[in-house]
């Protein structure tokens, strides 16, 4: 009897919400895209860091385009999207991350920082201009040029996730 009441109550609640035009959006990615937003654009992110990795700009730009294509219903346009991203890579550094008690470095850390200008045409209050950083550690016996081939995709994926969450989430 109690189960039937729960089902009946749930059905009535769904009808009332539908009749009122209340819109609920669920997303496994955590995205909360306004219904009026239809497009997104990602400008090329130039590498303005003192130390430059040749493929980093293209890798970051592609990762941002990919995450919005895969995890939203937005359609990509060349420029002027309802969700518009532009910015630059501002830092690409390798520093010591771990030192033993005898002052011997055992781990280095590759850190990538990007400045992102996000314009939300549908909800201007959600727009931002902020910096995002992510890093990956590697053994000191490995040269940066060797380590970066594996680290850049991992770090860029983290940056893309962070930027996605900041732009498309109400968390």
Protein backbone atom coordinates (compact mmCIF):
# COMPACT_ATOMS: atom_id res chain seq x y z
CA UNK A 1 0.00 0.00 0.00
CA UNK A 2 2.81 2.42 0.92
CA UNK A 3 4.66 1.65 -2.35
CA UNK A 4 1.53 2.47 -4.37
CA UNK A 5 1.20 5.80 -2.57
CA UNK A 6 4.84 6.65 -3.28
CA UNK A 7 4.39 5.85 -6.96
CA UNK A 8 1.17 7.86 -7.12
CA UNK A 9 2.76 10.82 -5.33
CA UNK A 10 5.83 10.68 -7.60
CA UNK A 11 3.64 10.60 -10.69
CA UNK A 12 1.57 13.53 -9.49
CA UNK A 13 4.69 15.52 -8.68
CA UNK A 14 6.09 14.84 -12.15
CA UNK A 15 2.83 15.99 -13.75
CA UNK A 16 2.72 19.17 -11.68
CA UNK A 17 6.32 20.02 -12.52
CA UNK A 18 5.75 19.30 -16.21
CA UNK A 19 2.60 21.41 -16.24
CA UNK A 20 4.46 24.33 -14.67
CA UNK A 21 7.14 24.14 -17.32
CA UNK A 22 9.78 23.36 -14.72
CA UNK A 23 12.84 22.03 -16.44
CA UNK A 24 15.21 19.65 -14.73
CA UNK A 25 18.43 18.66 -16.45
CA UNK A 26 20.51 15.72 -15.42
CA UNK A 27 23.99 15.09 -16.69
CA UNK A 28 26.54 12.47 -15.79
CA UNK A 29 29.29 15.01 -16.45
CA UNK A 30 27.89 17.47 -13.91
CA UNK A 31 27.22 20.00 -16.66
CA UNK A 32 24.41 22.45 -16.18
CA UNK A 33 24.04 24.19 -19.53
CA UNK A 34 21.32 26.85 -19.85
CA UNK A 35 18.66 25.75 -22.36
CA UNK A 36 19.21 28.93 -24.43
CA UNK A 37 22.90 28.10 -24.98
CA UNK A 38 23.30 26.38 -28.33
CA UNK A 39 26.92 26.86 -29.37
CA UNK A 40 30.48 27.03 -28.05
CA UNK A 41 33.75 28.30 -29.47
CA UNK A 42 37.34 27.75 -28.43
CA UNK A 43 39.98 30.14 -29.77
CA UNK A 44 43.53 28.88 -30.23
CA UNK A 45 45.46 29.13 -26.93
CA UNK A 46 48.94 30.50 -27.79
CA UNK A 47 51.88 29.46 -25.65
CA UNK A 48 53.23 32.65 -24.06
CA UNK A 49 55.22 30.83 -21.36
CA UNK A 50 58.98 31.43 -21.11
CA UNK A 51 59.56 27.73 -21.82
CA UNK A 52 57.58 26.39 -24.80
CA UNK A 53 56.52 22.85 -25.66
CA UNK A 54 55.80 22.80 -29.42
CA UNK A 55 52.53 20.84 -29.36
CA UNK A 56 51.06 22.21 -26.12
CA UNK A 57 48.87 24.94 -27.65
CA UNK A 58 47.21 22.59 -30.12
CA UNK A 59 46.82 19.85 -27.49
CA UNK A 60 45.06 22.20 -25.04
CA UNK A 61 42.83 23.77 -27.69
CA UNK A 62 41.82 20.33 -29.00
CA UNK A 63 41.15 19.02 -25.46
CA UNK A 64 38.77 21.90 -24.69
CA UNK A 65 36.93 21.42 -27.97
CA UNK A 66 36.71 17.68 -27.37
CA UNK A 67 35.36 17.84 -23.82
CA UNK A 68 32.56 20.25 -24.79
CA UNK A 69 31.70 18.19 -27.86
CA UNK A 70 31.57 14.92 -25.88
CA UNK A 71 29.93 16.12 -22.67
CA UNK A 72 27.40 18.72 -23.83
CA UNK A 73 24.78 19.19 -26.49
CA UNK A 74 26.43 22.43 -27.63
CA UNK A 75 27.47 22.73 -31.27
CA UNK A 76 30.97 23.99 -31.99
CA UNK A 77 31.32 27.19 -34.05
CA UNK A 78 34.49 28.97 -35.19
CA UNK A 79 33.97 32.06 -33.02
CA UNK A 80 31.35 33.89 -31.01
CA UNK A 81 29.72 30.88 -29.37
CA UNK A 82 27.21 31.20 -26.54
CA UNK A 83 30.03 29.68 -24.47
CA UNK A 84 33.23 31.31 -25.77
CA UNK A 85 36.74 30.44 -24.57
CA UNK A 86 39.97 32.27 -25.24
CA UNK A 87 43.22 32.62 -23.40
CA UNK A 88 46.86 31.69 -23.36
CA UNK A 89 49.35 29.36 -21.77
CA UNK A 90 51.18 31.54 -19.27
CA UNK A 91 53.50 29.11 -17.53
CA UNK A 92 55.26 25.85 -18.32
CA UNK A 93 57.83 25.03 -15.67
CA UNK A 94 59.74 22.10 -14.27
CA UNK A 95 60.72 22.32 -10.61
CA UNK A 96 61.96 19.96 -7.92
CA UNK A 97 59.03 18.23 -6.24
CA UNK A 98 60.67 15.81 -3.82
CA UNK A 99 64.00 15.80 -2.03
CA UNK A 100 65.45 13.04 0.15
CA UNK A 101 66.85 13.66 3.63
CA UNK A 102 70.32 13.87 2.09
CA UNK A 103 69.19 16.77 -0.16
CA UNK A 104 69.02 14.67 -3.32
CA UNK A 105 66.15 15.47 -5.69
CA UNK A 106 64.12 12.37 -6.60
CA UNK A 107 61.05 13.86 -8.30
CA UNK A 108 60.50 16.82 -10.57
CA UNK A 109 57.16 18.50 -11.26
CA UNK A 110 55.96 19.81 -14.60
CA UNK A 111 53.37 22.56 -14.05
CA UNK A 112 51.25 24.13 -16.77
CA UNK A 113 49.23 27.29 -16.15
CA UNK A 114 46.64 28.78 -18.49
CA UNK A 115 44.74 32.04 -18.32
CA UNK A 116 41.16 31.52 -19.51
CA UNK A 117 38.64 34.16 -20.52
CA UNK A 118 35.21 32.55 -20.61
CA UNK A 119 32.23 34.48 -21.93
CA UNK A 120 28.77 33.11 -21.26
CA UNK A 121 26.47 35.07 -23.58
CA UNK A 122 23.34 33.57 -22.03
CA UNK A 123 24.30 34.35 -18.41
CA UNK A 124 26.94 37.11 -18.19
CA UNK A 125 27.32 36.58 -14.40
CA UNK A 126 28.77 33.13 -15.13
CA UNK A 127 31.58 34.59 -17.29
CA UNK A 128 35.08 34.64 -15.82
CA UNK A 129 38.73 35.50 -16.42
CA UNK A 130 40.90 33.26 -14.30
CA UNK A 131 43.98 31.12 -14.14
CA UNK A 132 44.07 27.30 -14.04
CA UNK A 133 47.09 25.16 -13.15
CA UNK A 134 47.77 21.45 -13.15
CA UNK A 135 50.91 19.36 -12.79
CA UNK A 136 52.48 15.95 -13.12
CA UNK A 137 55.55 14.51 -11.43
CA UNK A 138 58.39 12.62 -13.05
CA UNK A 139 61.65 10.99 -11.97
CA UNK A 140 64.75 13.20 -11.87
CA UNK A 141 66.64 10.60 -13.90
CA UNK A 142 64.31 11.36 -16.82
CA UNK A 143 64.87 14.43 -19.00
CA UNK A 144 61.95 16.86 -19.29
CA UNK A 145 61.86 16.32 -23.06
CA UNK A 146 61.24 12.61 -22.45
CA UNK A 147 58.78 13.05 -19.58
CA UNK A 148 56.66 15.72 -21.25
CA UNK A 149 55.41 13.34 -23.95
CA UNK A 150 53.54 11.36 -21.30
CA UNK A 151 52.81 14.23 -18.89
CA UNK A 152 51.38 16.84 -21.25
CA UNK A 153 48.28 14.80 -22.21
CA UNK A 154 47.59 13.99 -18.54
CA UNK A 155 48.04 17.59 -17.40
CA UNK A 156 46.00 18.97 -20.30
CA UNK A 157 43.18 16.52 -19.55
CA UNK A 158 43.09 17.80 -15.95
CA UNK A 159 43.11 21.42 -17.12
CA UNK A 160 40.29 20.73 -19.60
CA UNK A 161 38.22 19.06 -16.85
CA UNK A 162 38.81 21.98 -14.47
CA UNK A 163 37.87 24.56 -17.11
CA UNK A 164 34.81 22.52 -18.11
CA UNK A 165 33.62 22.28 -14.50
CA UNK A 166 34.15 26.01 -13.94
CA UNK A 167 32.21 26.96 -17.07
CA UNK A 168 29.48 24.34 -17.24
CA UNK A 169 28.71 23.49 -13.64
CA UNK A 170 26.82 25.13 -10.83
CA UNK A 171 28.96 23.45 -8.19
